[in-house]
Amino acid sequence: MSRRNRSPEEEARRGKIRELLQESNVTSMEDIQNLFKETIAEFLENGLDSELDEELEYTRYDYKNKETDNSRNGHS
């Protein structure tokens, strides 16, 4: 069975994944699942933070440049 041609970007991603698995001392399927859960949680949290920054039009801790009295934690 021949291996399909992969782009340099895909090869780089796969290399990073292999490196992450080696650094994380993954030895079982449970380790892989835990690493996957942590990765997805981090990805979602970053995405939600970015969405909130865009919606409020200022970033977290950027109190000087915001044009509203609202706070990010829901309190004014």
PDB file of N, CA and C in Angstrom:
ATOM      1  N   MET A   1       0.848  -1.171   0.000  1.00  0.00           N
ATOM      2  CA  MET A   1       0.000   0.000   0.000  1.00  0.00           C
ATOM      3  C   MET A   1       0.896   1.237   0.000  1.00  0.00           C
ATOM      4  N   SER A   2       0.653   2.123  -0.929  1.00  0.00           N
ATOM      5  CA  SER A   2       1.493   3.306  -1.032  1.00  0.00           C
ATOM      6  C   SER A   2       0.997   4.411  -0.103  1.00  0.00           C
ATOM      7  N   ARG A   3       1.912   5.175   0.382  1.00  0.00           N
ATOM      8  CA  ARG A   3       1.599   6.302   1.256  1.00  0.00           C
ATOM      9  C   ARG A   3       1.258   7.499   0.383  1.00  0.00           C
ATOM     10  N   ARG A   4       0.187   8.192   0.744  1.00  0.00           N
ATOM     11  CA  ARG A   4      -0.197   9.356  -0.049  1.00  0.00           C
ATOM     12  C   ARG A   4       0.788  10.491   0.173  1.00  0.00           C
ATOM     13  N   ASN A   5       0.881  11.346  -0.799  1.00  0.00           N
ATOM     14  CA  ASN A   5       1.777  12.491  -0.681  1.00  0.00           C
ATOM     15  C   ASN A   5       1.191  13.489   0.307  1.00  0.00           C
ATOM     16  N   ARG A   6       2.001  13.899   1.244  1.00  0.00           N
ATOM     17  CA  ARG A   6       1.565  14.867   2.245  1.00  0.00           C
ATOM     18  C   ARG A   6       2.268  16.188   1.992  1.00  0.00           C
ATOM     19  N   SER A   7       1.543  17.246   2.278  1.00  0.00           N
ATOM     20  CA  SER A   7       2.127  18.575   2.116  1.00  0.00           C
ATOM     21  C   SER A   7       3.147  18.808   3.221  1.00  0.00           C
ATOM     22  N   PRO A   8       4.059  19.741   3.032  1.00  0.00           N
ATOM     23  CA  PRO A   8       5.032  20.060   4.079  1.00  0.00           C
ATOM     24  C   PRO A   8       4.354  20.515   5.376  1.00  0.00           C
ATOM     25  N   GLU A   9       3.225  21.218   5.245  1.00  0.00           N
ATOM     26  CA  GLU A   9       2.505  21.674   6.436  1.00  0.00           C
ATOM     27  C   GLU A   9       1.957  20.491   7.226  1.00  0.00           C
ATOM     28  N   GLU A  10       1.405  19.519   6.512  1.00  0.00           N
ATOM     29  CA  GLU A  10       0.866  18.337   7.178  1.00  0.00           C
ATOM     30  C   GLU A  10       1.979  17.527   7.831  1.00  0.00           C
ATOM     31  N   GLU A  11       3.097  17.395   7.161  1.00  0.00           N
ATOM     32  CA  GLU A  11       4.241  16.687   7.739  1.00  0.00           C
ATOM     33  C   GLU A  11       4.728  17.393   9.004  1.00  0.00           C
ATOM     34  N   ALA A  12       4.750  18.727   8.976  1.00  0.00           N
ATOM     35  CA  ALA A  12       5.178  19.491  10.153  1.00  0.00           C
ATOM     36  C   ALA A  12       4.215  19.277  11.315  1.00  0.00           C
ATOM     37  N   ARG A  13       2.902  19.294  11.035  1.00  0.00           N
ATOM     38  CA  ARG A  13       1.894  19.052  12.076  1.00  0.00           C
ATOM     39  C   ARG A  13       2.062  17.667  12.672  1.00  0.00           C
ATOM     40  N   ARG A  14       2.245  16.678  11.801  1.00  0.00           N
ATOM     41  CA  ARG A  14       2.411  15.311  12.287  1.00  0.00           C
ATOM     42  C   ARG A  14       3.669  15.179  13.142  1.00  0.00           C
ATOM     43  N   GLY A  15       4.723  15.876  12.761  1.00  0.00           N
ATOM     44  CA  GLY A  15       5.954  15.858  13.557  1.00  0.00           C
ATOM     45  C   GLY A  15       5.737  16.466  14.938  1.00  0.00           C
ATOM     46  N   LYS A  16       4.986  17.561  14.980  1.00  0.00           N
ATOM     47  CA  LYS A  16       4.694  18.195  16.267  1.00  0.00           C
ATOM     48  C   LYS A  16       3.848  17.285  17.146  1.00  0.00           C
ATOM     49  N   ILE A  17       2.909  16.579  16.540  1.00  0.00           N
ATOM     50  CA  ILE A  17       2.070  15.651  17.303  1.00  0.00           C
ATOM     51  C   ILE A  17       2.921  14.524  17.872  1.00  0.00           C
ATOM     52  N   ARG A  18       3.799  13.967  17.050  1.00  0.00           N
ATOM     53  CA  ARG A  18       4.695  12.902  17.534  1.00  0.00           C
ATOM     54  C   ARG A  18       5.567  13.405  18.681  1.00  0.00           C
ATOM     55  N   GLU A  19       6.088  14.616  18.526  1.00  0.00           N
ATOM     56  CA  GLU A  19       6.932  15.208  19.564  1.00  0.00           C
ATOM     57  C   GLU A  19       6.141  15.403  20.861  1.00  0.00           C
ATOM     58  N   LEU A  20       4.909  15.888  20.748  1.00  0.00           N
ATOM     59  CA  LEU A  20       4.058  16.084  21.917  1.00  0.00           C
ATOM     60  C   LEU A  20       3.784  14.762  22.621  1.00  0.00           C
ATOM     61  N   LEU A  21       3.499  13.729  21.859  1.00  0.00           N
ATOM     62  CA  LEU A  21       3.236  12.421  22.457  1.00  0.00           C
ATOM     63  C   LEU A  21       4.465  11.882  23.183  1.00  0.00           C
ATOM     64  N   GLN A  22       5.636  12.089  22.614  1.00  0.00           N
ATOM     65  CA  GLN A  22       6.857  11.629  23.267  1.00  0.00           C
ATOM     66  C   GLN A  22       7.143  12.423  24.539  1.00  0.00           C
ATOM     67  N   GLU A  23       6.959  13.734  24.490  1.00  0.00           N
ATOM     68  CA  GLU A  23       7.221  14.582  25.654  1.00  0.00           C
ATOM     69  C   GLU A  23       6.226  14.328  26.776  1.00  0.00           C
ATOM     70  N   SER A  24       5.017  13.907  26.428  1.00  0.00           N
ATOM     71  CA  SER A  24       3.962  13.708  27.421  1.00  0.00           C
ATOM     72  C   SER A  24       4.009  12.326  28.052  1.00  0.00           C
ATOM     73  N   ASN A  25       4.971  11.517  27.680  1.00  0.00           N
ATOM     74  CA  ASN A  25       5.110  10.154  28.204  1.00  0.00           C
ATOM     75  C   ASN A  25       3.810   9.365  28.067  1.00  0.00           C
ATOM     76  N   VAL A  26       3.227   9.398  26.891  1.00  0.00           N
ATOM     77  CA  VAL A  26       1.997   8.670  26.620  1.00  0.00           C
ATOM     78  C   VAL A  26       2.322   7.189  26.528  1.00  0.00           C
ATOM     79  N   THR A  27       1.680   6.407  27.401  1.00  0.00           N
ATOM     80  CA  THR A  27       1.935   4.970  27.408  1.00  0.00           C
ATOM     81  C   THR A  27       0.668   4.146  27.261  1.00  0.00           C
ATOM     82  N   SER A  28      -0.491   4.797  27.324  1.00  0.00           N
ATOM     83  CA  SER A  28      -1.740   4.043  27.225  1.00  0.00           C
ATOM     84  C   SER A  28      -2.790   4.877  26.505  1.00  0.00           C
ATOM     85  N   MET A  29      -3.884   4.204  26.173  1.00  0.00           N
ATOM     86  CA  MET A  29      -4.990   4.894  25.523  1.00  0.00           C
ATOM     87  C   MET A  29      -5.589   5.933  26.481  1.00  0.00           C
ATOM     88  N   GLU A  30      -5.596   5.668  27.755  1.00  0.00           N
ATOM     89  CA  GLU A  30      -6.107   6.630  28.747  1.00  0.00           C
ATOM     90  C   GLU A  30      -5.260   7.904  28.740  1.00  0.00           C
ATOM     91  N   ASP A  31      -3.947   7.757  28.611  1.00  0.00           N
ATOM     92  CA  ASP A  31      -3.063   8.922  28.523  1.00  0.00           C
ATOM     93  C   ASP A  31      -3.396   9.755  27.279  1.00  0.00           C
ATOM     94  N   ILE A  32      -3.650   9.084  26.170  1.00  0.00           N
ATOM     95  CA  ILE A  32      -3.996   9.778  24.925  1.00  0.00           C
ATOM     96  C   ILE A  32      -5.319  10.516  25.096  1.00  0.00           C
ATOM     97  N   GLN A  33      -6.296   9.871  25.722  1.00  0.00           N
ATOM     98  CA  GLN A  33      -7.593  10.505  25.938  1.00  0.00           C
ATOM     99  C   GLN A  33      -7.467  11.735  26.830  1.00  0.00           C
ATOM    100  N   ASN A  34      -6.685  11.637  27.898  1.00  0.00           N
ATOM    101  CA  ASN A  34      -6.492  12.780  28.790  1.00  0.00           C
ATOM    102  C   ASN A  34      -5.793  13.930  28.082  1.00  0.00           C
ATOM    103  N   LEU A  35      -4.781  13.621  27.291  1.00  0.00           N
ATOM    104  CA  LEU A  35      -4.076  14.647  26.527  1.00  0.00           C
ATOM    105  C   LEU A  35      -5.019  15.297  25.517  1.00  0.00           C
ATOM    106  N   PHE A  36      -5.851  14.494  24.877  1.00  0.00           N
ATOM    107  CA  PHE A  36      -6.816  15.010  23.915  1.00  0.00           C
ATOM    108  C   PHE A  36      -7.824  15.928  24.610  1.00  0.00           C
ATOM    109  N   LYS A  37      -8.320  15.530  25.766  1.00  0.00           N
ATOM    110  CA  LYS A  37      -9.265  16.358  26.522  1.00  0.00           C
ATOM    111  C   LYS A  37      -8.642  17.700  26.896  1.00  0.00           C
ATOM    112  N   GLU A  38      -7.398  17.683  27.376  1.00  0.00           N
ATOM    113  CA  GLU A  38      -6.709  18.919  27.742  1.00  0.00           C
ATOM    114  C   GLU A  38      -6.520  19.821  26.526  1.00  0.00           C
ATOM    115  N   THR A  39      -6.169  19.218  25.402  1.00  0.00           N
ATOM    116  CA  THR A  39      -5.941  19.981  24.176  1.00  0.00           C
ATOM    117  C   THR A  39      -7.231  20.631  23.688  1.00  0.00           C
ATOM    118  N   ILE A  40      -8.315  19.864  23.675  1.00  0.00           N
ATOM    119  CA  ILE A  40      -9.608  20.397  23.232  1.00  0.00           C
ATOM    120  C   ILE A  40     -10.078  21.496  24.181  1.00  0.00           C
ATOM    121  N   ALA A  41      -9.918  21.291  25.487  1.00  0.00           N
ATOM    122  CA  ALA A  41     -10.334  22.301  26.467  1.00  0.00           C
ATOM    123  C   ALA A  41      -9.566  23.605  26.254  1.00  0.00           C
ATOM    124  N   GLU A  42      -8.276  23.509  26.028  1.00  0.00           N
ATOM    125  CA  GLU A  42      -7.453  24.697  25.791  1.00  0.00           C
ATOM    126  C   GLU A  42      -7.881  25.394  24.504  1.00  0.00           C
ATOM    127  N   PHE A  43      -8.125  24.619  23.466  1.00  0.00           N
ATOM    128  CA  PHE A  43      -8.557  25.161  22.180  1.00  0.00           C
ATOM    129  C   PHE A  43      -9.884  25.910  22.318  1.00  0.00           C
ATOM    130  N   LEU A  44     -10.853  25.287  23.000  1.00  0.00           N
ATOM    131  CA  LEU A  44     -12.159  25.919  23.179  1.00  0.00           C
ATOM    132  C   LEU A  44     -12.071  27.175  24.036  1.00  0.00           C
ATOM    133  N   GLU A  45     -11.290  27.112  25.097  1.00  0.00           N
ATOM    134  CA  GLU A  45     -11.143  28.277  25.974  1.00  0.00           C
ATOM    135  C   GLU A  45     -10.530  29.456  25.223  1.00  0.00           C
ATOM    136  N   ASN A  46      -9.509  29.197  24.439  1.00  0.00           N
ATOM    137  CA  ASN A  46      -8.887  30.268  23.651  1.00  0.00           C
ATOM    138  C   ASN A  46      -9.858  30.837  22.624  1.00  0.00           C
ATOM    139  N   GLY A  47     -10.636  29.955  21.995  1.00  0.00           N
ATOM    140  CA  GLY A  47     -11.616  30.413  21.022  1.00  0.00           C
ATOM    141  C   GLY A  47     -12.695  31.276  21.657  1.00  0.00           C
ATOM    142  N   LEU A  48     -13.196  30.854  22.820  1.00  0.00           N
ATOM    143  CA  LEU A  48     -14.225  31.633  23.507  1.00  0.00           C
ATOM    144  C   LEU A  48     -13.682  32.970  23.997  1.00  0.00           C
ATOM    145  N   ASP A  49     -12.443  32.976  24.481  1.00  0.00           N
ATOM    146  CA  ASP A  49     -11.826  34.245  24.897  1.00  0.00           C
ATOM    147  C   ASP A  49     -11.696  35.198  23.714  1.00  0.00           C
ATOM    148  N   SER A  50     -11.298  34.675  22.560  1.00  0.00           N
ATOM    149  CA  SER A  50     -11.163  35.507  21.365  1.00  0.00           C
ATOM    150  C   SER A  50     -12.517  36.039  20.916  1.00  0.00           C
ATOM    151  N   GLU A  51     -13.537  35.195  21.000  1.00  0.00           N
ATOM    152  CA  GLU A  51     -14.879  35.627  20.623  1.00  0.00           C
ATOM    153  C   GLU A  51     -15.374  36.733  21.555  1.00  0.00           C
ATOM    154  N   LEU A  52     -15.092  36.604  22.835  1.00  0.00           N
ATOM    155  CA  LEU A  52     -15.492  37.621  23.803  1.00  0.00           C
ATOM    156  C   LEU A  52     -14.741  38.928  23.551  1.00  0.00           C
ATOM    157  N   ASP A  53     -13.449  38.842  23.256  1.00  0.00           N
ATOM    158  CA  ASP A  53     -12.671  40.043  22.922  1.00  0.00           C
ATOM    159  C   ASP A  53     -13.289  40.769  21.730  1.00  0.00           C
ATOM    160  N   GLU A  54     -13.664  40.007  20.714  1.00  0.00           N
ATOM    161  CA  GLU A  54     -14.228  40.607  19.508  1.00  0.00           C
ATOM    162  C   GLU A  54     -15.601  41.222  19.791  1.00  0.00           C
ATOM    163  N   GLU A  55     -16.411  40.533  20.569  1.00  0.00           N
ATOM    164  CA  GLU A  55     -17.755  41.027  20.865  1.00  0.00           C
ATOM    165  C   GLU A  55     -17.713  42.297  21.714  1.00  0.00           C
ATOM    166  N   LEU A  56     -16.839  42.326  22.712  1.00  0.00           N
ATOM    167  CA  LEU A  56     -16.755  43.485  23.605  1.00  0.00           C
ATOM    168  C   LEU A  56     -15.889  44.600  23.044  1.00  0.00           C
ATOM    169  N   GLU A  57     -15.096  44.275  22.027  1.00  0.00           N
ATOM    170  CA  GLU A  57     -14.206  45.221  21.354  1.00  0.00           C
ATOM    171  C   GLU A  57     -13.063  45.722  22.239  1.00  0.00           C
ATOM    172  N   TYR A  58     -12.696  44.926  23.231  1.00  0.00           N
ATOM    173  CA  TYR A  58     -11.471  45.174  24.002  1.00  0.00           C
ATOM    174  C   TYR A  58     -11.012  43.848  24.593  1.00  0.00           C
ATOM    175  N   THR A  59      -9.722  43.723  24.825  1.00  0.00           N
ATOM    176  CA  THR A  59      -9.185  42.474  25.335  1.00  0.00           C
ATOM    177  C   THR A  59      -9.203  42.466  26.852  1.00  0.00           C
ATOM    178  N   ARG A  60      -9.035  41.284  27.387  1.00  0.00           N
ATOM    179  CA  ARG A  60      -8.985  41.131  28.840  1.00  0.00           C
ATOM    180  C   ARG A  60      -7.837  41.979  29.391  1.00  0.00           C
ATOM    181  N   TYR A  61      -8.078  42.648  30.483  1.00  0.00           N
ATOM    182  CA  TYR A  61      -7.109  43.513  31.174  1.00  0.00           C
ATOM    183  C   TYR A  61      -6.790  44.799  30.413  1.00  0.00           C
ATOM    184  N   ASP A  62      -7.523  45.111  29.357  1.00  0.00           N
ATOM    185  CA  ASP A  62      -7.299  46.337  28.585  1.00  0.00           C
ATOM    186  C   ASP A  62      -8.366  47.366  28.974  1.00  0.00           C
ATOM    187  N   TYR A  63      -8.310  47.822  30.199  1.00  0.00           N
ATOM    188  CA  TYR A  63      -9.337  48.709  30.724  1.00  0.00           C
ATOM    189  C   TYR A  63      -9.229  50.128  30.175  1.00  0.00           C
ATOM    190  N   LYS A  64      -8.070  50.529  29.748  1.00  0.00           N
ATOM    191  CA  LYS A  64      -7.872  51.898  29.269  1.00  0.00           C
ATOM    192  C   LYS A  64      -8.530  52.131  27.912  1.00  0.00           C
ATOM    193  N   ASN A  65      -8.594  51.102  27.070  1.00  0.00           N
ATOM    194  CA  ASN A  65      -9.089  51.277  25.710  1.00  0.00           C
ATOM    195  C   ASN A  65     -10.542  50.858  25.522  1.00  0.00           C
ATOM    196  N   LYS A  66     -11.207  50.431  26.567  1.00  0.00           N
ATOM    197  CA  LYS A  66     -12.596  50.026  26.387  1.00  0.00           C
ATOM    198  C   LYS A  66     -13.504  51.243  26.379  1.00  0.00           C
ATOM    199  N   GLU A  67     -14.586  51.142  25.604  1.00  0.00           N
ATOM    200  CA  GLU A  67     -15.506  52.263  25.454  1.00  0.00           C
ATOM    201  C   GLU A  67     -16.840  51.971  26.119  1.00  0.00           C
ATOM    202  N   THR A  68     -16.822  51.220  27.213  1.00  0.00           N
ATOM    203  CA  THR A  68     -18.040  50.856  27.934  1.00  0.00           C
ATOM    204  C   THR A  68     -17.738  50.754  29.416  1.00  0.00           C
ATOM    205  N   ASP A  69     -18.785  50.814  30.216  1.00  0.00           N
ATOM    206  CA  ASP A  69     -18.615  50.659  31.662  1.00  0.00           C
ATOM    207  C   ASP A  69     -18.771  49.207  32.096  1.00  0.00           C
ATOM    208  N   ASN A  70     -19.172  48.340  31.183  1.00  0.00           N
ATOM    209  CA  ASN A  70     -19.364  46.936  31.517  1.00  0.00           C
ATOM    210  C   ASN A  70     -18.034  46.242  31.777  1.00  0.00           C
ATOM    211  N   SER A  71     -18.055  45.282  32.692  1.00  0.00           N
ATOM    212  CA  SER A  71     -16.875  44.486  32.975  1.00  0.00           C
ATOM    213  C   SER A  71     -17.043  43.101  32.356  1.00  0.00           C
ATOM    214  N   ARG A  72     -15.962  42.427  32.137  1.00  0.00           N
ATOM    215  CA  ARG A  72     -16.008  41.110  31.511  1.00  0.00           C
ATOM    216  C   ARG A  72     -16.612  40.047  32.431  1.00  0.00           C
ATOM    217  N   ASN A  73     -16.620  40.285  33.731  1.00  0.00           N
ATOM    218  CA  ASN A  73     -17.147  39.297  34.647  1.00  0.00           C
ATOM    219  C   ASN A  73     -18.642  39.461  34.893  1.00  0.00           C
ATOM    220  N   GLY A  74     -19.298  40.388  34.205  1.00  0.00           N
ATOM    221  CA  GLY A  74     -20.730  40.560  34.328  1.00  0.00           C
ATOM    222  C   GLY A  74     -21.151  41.582  35.357  1.00  0.00           C
ATOM    223  N   HIS A  75     -20.206  42.174  36.034  1.00  0.00           N
ATOM    224  CA  HIS A  75     -20.522  43.205  37.021  1.00  0.00           C
ATOM    225  C   HIS A  75     -20.090  44.567  36.500  1.00  0.00           C
ATOM    226  N   SER A  76     -20.854  45.584  36.828  1.00  0.00           N
ATOM    227  CA  SER A  76     -20.515  46.937  36.369  1.00  0.00           C
ATOM    228  C   SER A  76     -19.827  47.696  37.482  1.00  0.00           C
TER     229      SER A  76
END
